[in-house]
Amino acid sequence: MQNYPVNLKIDYAESSNRLTALFRLILVIPIVIILALISTYAEALSFAIAMMILFKEKYPRWWFEWHIGITKFAYRIAVYTFLMRDEYPSTDLDQSVHISVPYPDVKNELKRWMPLVKWILVIPHIIVLIFIFIGVLICTVFSLIAILITGRYPKGIFYFVEGFFRWTLRVSAFALLLTTDEYPPFRLKE
């Protein structure tokens, strides 16, 4: 099985803070507001990148860096929100969330017309991911209870939620970040 060019790895914490886990949805509000303020530009950037690939066969490096930076920031917030890590999400440090998205060689690796159809091609992924997300929400509630009782995030649930985030990152890299034309695999594992 070939490795997909986009990947995510989250460091498992051996213990979790019971108090911050209980109030996580309140603690995350300030950083989510910051993400909301800057993500508006990131969404518009996806359309601009699609136009650049389609008409100019370019993906400016600084646009890539900006888009990947926002993506990493969003995943650090998600990992914190879903109780996987206790460190408050940094706006610039990778912390314990490791994301690899290679910069594309547009002329050799990307087909100019693909941005026009990628949003349609990911519909099956979105349908499956919606059902998995429901499972992730249920697992997060169970994990909160486990953290409050044992002080640890259950390892099996951790790998399931990490797999969900990995899958969503791959779909995002294909359809929104536009860094690869390789169709994302239907799998949670690396």
Protein backbone atom coordinates (compact mmCIF):
# COMPACT_ATOMS: atom_id res chain seq x y z
CA MET A 1 0.00 0.00 0.00
CA GLN A 2 1.47 3.33 -1.11
CA ASN A 3 1.68 6.17 1.40
CA TYR A 4 -0.47 9.18 0.65
CA PRO A 5 1.62 12.38 0.29
CA VAL A 6 -0.40 14.22 2.97
CA ASN A 7 -0.28 12.94 6.52
CA LEU A 8 -1.05 13.81 10.13
CA LYS A 9 0.35 12.41 13.38
CA ILE A 10 -0.70 13.46 16.87
CA ASP A 11 1.43 12.65 19.91
CA TYR A 12 -0.49 10.62 22.49
CA ALA A 13 -0.42 12.13 26.00
CA GLU A 14 -0.11 9.61 28.81
CA SER A 15 -2.27 11.75 31.09
CA SER A 16 -4.97 14.38 30.67
CA ASN A 17 -5.93 17.32 32.84
CA ARG A 18 -9.35 16.57 34.35
CA LEU A 19 -10.21 20.20 35.13
CA THR A 20 -9.41 21.67 31.70
CA ALA A 21 -11.13 18.72 29.99
CA LEU A 22 -14.33 19.53 31.86
CA PHE A 23 -14.31 23.18 30.73
CA ARG A 24 -12.71 22.70 27.31
CA LEU A 25 -15.63 24.08 25.31
CA ILE A 26 -15.39 27.33 27.25
CA LEU A 27 -11.58 27.53 27.20
CA VAL A 28 -11.43 27.13 23.44
CA ILE A 29 -13.70 30.11 22.63
CA PRO A 30 -10.97 32.84 22.39
CA ILE A 31 -8.75 30.84 20.04
CA VAL A 32 -11.74 29.79 17.90
CA ILE A 33 -12.63 33.47 17.48
CA ILE A 34 -9.09 34.13 16.22
CA LEU A 35 -9.37 31.22 13.79
CA ALA A 36 -12.75 32.45 12.55
CA LEU A 37 -11.33 35.90 11.86
CA ILE A 38 -8.46 34.60 9.73
CA SER A 39 -10.13 31.58 8.11
CA THR A 40 -12.39 33.79 6.00
CA TYR A 41 -9.32 34.69 3.97
CA ALA A 42 -8.23 31.05 3.79
CA GLU A 43 -11.55 30.01 2.22
CA ALA A 44 -11.29 32.75 -0.40
CA LEU A 45 -7.70 31.69 -1.01
CA SER A 46 -8.86 28.22 -2.10
CA PHE A 47 -10.78 29.76 -4.97
CA ALA A 48 -7.85 32.02 -5.88
CA ILE A 49 -5.46 29.04 -5.89
CA ALA A 50 -7.83 27.09 -8.13
CA MET A 51 -7.85 30.00 -10.58
CA MET A 52 -4.04 30.27 -10.47
CA ILE A 53 -3.64 26.54 -11.17
CA LEU A 54 -6.24 26.62 -13.93
CA PHE A 55 -5.05 29.71 -15.79
CA LYS A 56 -1.40 30.24 -14.84
CA GLU A 57 -0.22 26.79 -13.68
CA LYS A 58 1.16 28.42 -10.53
CA TYR A 59 0.80 27.95 -6.79
CA PRO A 60 2.70 30.82 -5.18
CA ARG A 61 4.88 29.55 -2.34
CA TRP A 62 3.69 32.23 0.11
CA TRP A 63 0.05 31.29 -0.57
CA PHE A 64 0.93 27.67 0.15
CA GLU A 65 2.72 28.60 3.39
CA TRP A 66 -0.22 30.79 4.50
CA HIS A 67 -2.78 28.07 3.70
CA ILE A 68 -0.78 25.32 5.42
CA GLY A 69 -0.20 27.57 8.46
CA ILE A 70 -3.95 28.15 8.84
CA THR A 71 -4.60 24.43 8.37
CA LYS A 72 -2.09 23.48 11.07
CA PHE A 73 -3.58 26.08 13.41
CA ALA A 74 -7.10 24.72 12.81
CA TYR A 75 -5.98 21.14 13.52
CA ARG A 76 -4.24 22.18 16.77
CA ILE A 77 -7.53 23.76 17.84
CA ALA A 78 -9.51 20.65 16.84
CA VAL A 79 -7.14 18.36 18.75
CA TYR A 80 -7.48 20.57 21.83
CA THR A 81 -11.27 20.79 21.49
CA PHE A 82 -11.66 17.03 21.13
CA LEU A 83 -9.62 16.52 24.34
CA MET A 84 -6.69 14.77 22.65
CA ARG A 85 -4.09 17.19 24.04
CA ASP A 86 -4.07 19.62 26.97
CA GLU A 87 -1.71 22.28 25.54
CA TYR A 88 -3.61 25.41 24.58
CA PRO A 89 -3.34 25.74 20.77
CA SER A 90 -0.41 27.86 19.65
CA THR A 91 -0.88 30.29 16.79
CA ASP A 92 2.53 29.41 15.33
CA LEU A 93 4.17 26.34 16.95
CA ASP A 94 3.36 22.81 15.75
CA GLN A 95 3.15 21.51 19.33
CA SER A 96 2.12 17.83 19.27
CA VAL A 97 0.24 17.91 15.96
CA HIS A 98 2.51 16.99 13.05
CA ILE A 99 1.17 17.70 9.58
CA SER A 100 3.04 17.03 6.37
CA VAL A 101 1.77 18.55 3.15
CA PRO A 102 4.36 18.76 0.39
CA TYR A 103 4.56 21.87 -1.77
CA PRO A 104 3.31 20.87 -5.23
CA ASP A 105 5.24 21.16 -8.47
CA VAL A 106 2.19 22.50 -10.31
CA LYS A 107 3.39 21.93 -13.88
CA ASN A 108 4.48 18.31 -13.24
CA GLU A 109 2.20 17.10 -10.44
CA LEU A 110 -1.13 18.90 -10.88
CA LYS A 111 -3.52 18.86 -13.80
CA ARG A 112 -4.81 22.35 -14.54
CA TRP A 113 -8.45 21.26 -14.97
CA MET A 114 -8.66 19.20 -11.76
CA PRO A 115 -9.69 22.10 -9.45
CA LEU A 116 -12.92 22.26 -11.47
CA VAL A 117 -13.98 18.73 -10.49
CA LYS A 118 -12.27 18.01 -7.17
CA TRP A 119 -15.19 19.40 -5.16
CA ILE A 120 -17.47 16.90 -6.88
CA LEU A 121 -15.05 14.00 -6.51
CA VAL A 122 -14.90 14.36 -2.71
CA ILE A 123 -18.65 13.97 -2.19
CA PRO A 124 -18.31 10.24 -1.29
CA HIS A 125 -15.63 11.16 1.26
CA ILE A 126 -17.81 13.86 2.78
CA ILE A 127 -20.73 11.43 3.17
CA VAL A 128 -18.55 8.83 4.91
CA LEU A 129 -16.81 11.47 7.05
CA ILE A 130 -20.16 12.81 8.29
CA PHE A 131 -21.01 9.37 9.69
CA ILE A 132 -17.53 8.98 11.17
CA PHE A 133 -17.82 12.45 12.72
CA ILE A 134 -20.95 11.34 14.57
CA GLY A 135 -18.87 8.47 15.97
CA VAL A 136 -16.09 10.92 16.87
CA LEU A 137 -18.56 13.07 18.84
CA ILE A 138 -19.82 10.02 20.74
CA CYS A 139 -16.25 8.90 21.40
CA THR A 140 -15.34 12.37 22.66
CA VAL A 141 -18.15 12.28 25.22
CA PHE A 142 -16.97 8.82 26.31
CA SER A 143 -13.38 10.12 26.45
CA LEU A 144 -14.43 13.03 28.65
CA ILE A 145 -15.99 10.59 31.09
CA ALA A 146 -12.85 8.40 30.95
CA ILE A 147 -10.59 11.42 31.53
CA LEU A 148 -12.68 12.54 34.51
CA ILE A 149 -12.50 9.05 36.04
CA THR A 150 -9.01 7.83 35.08
CA GLY A 151 -7.13 10.98 34.02
CA ARG A 152 -6.30 9.40 30.63
CA TYR A 153 -7.67 9.62 27.13
CA PRO A 154 -8.48 6.05 25.96
CA LYS A 155 -5.81 4.98 23.45
CA GLY A 156 -8.13 3.16 21.06
CA ILE A 157 -10.43 6.16 20.81
CA PHE A 158 -7.40 8.42 20.39
CA TYR A 159 -6.24 6.49 17.31
CA PHE A 160 -9.77 6.48 15.88
CA VAL A 161 -10.14 10.27 16.26
CA GLU A 162 -6.60 10.81 14.95
CA GLY A 163 -7.54 8.72 11.91
CA PHE A 164 -10.62 10.85 11.35
CA PHE A 165 -8.49 14.01 11.43
CA ARG A 166 -5.96 12.39 9.07
CA TRP A 167 -8.71 11.49 6.61
CA THR A 168 -10.23 14.99 6.71
CA LEU A 169 -6.79 16.54 6.15
CA ARG A 170 -6.25 14.38 3.07
CA VAL A 171 -9.64 15.32 1.65
CA SER A 172 -8.90 18.98 2.41
CA ALA A 173 -5.47 18.78 0.72
CA PHE A 174 -7.11 17.30 -2.36
CA ALA A 175 -10.16 19.58 -2.66
CA LEU A 176 -9.38 22.83 -0.80
CA LEU A 177 -5.63 23.19 -0.37
CA LEU A 178 -5.21 21.80 -3.90
CA THR A 179 -1.75 20.41 -3.17
CA THR A 180 -2.25 16.99 -4.74
CA ASP A 181 -4.26 15.38 -7.50
CA GLU A 182 -3.90 11.94 -5.92
CA TYR A 183 -7.36 10.85 -4.81
CA PRO A 184 -7.50 10.45 -1.01
CA PRO A 185 -7.77 6.90 0.31
CA PHE A 186 -10.86 5.76 2.21
CA ARG A 187 -8.95 4.89 5.38
CA LEU A 188 -8.16 6.17 8.85
CA LYS A 189 -4.62 4.79 9.00
CA GLU A 190 -1.42 6.32 7.66
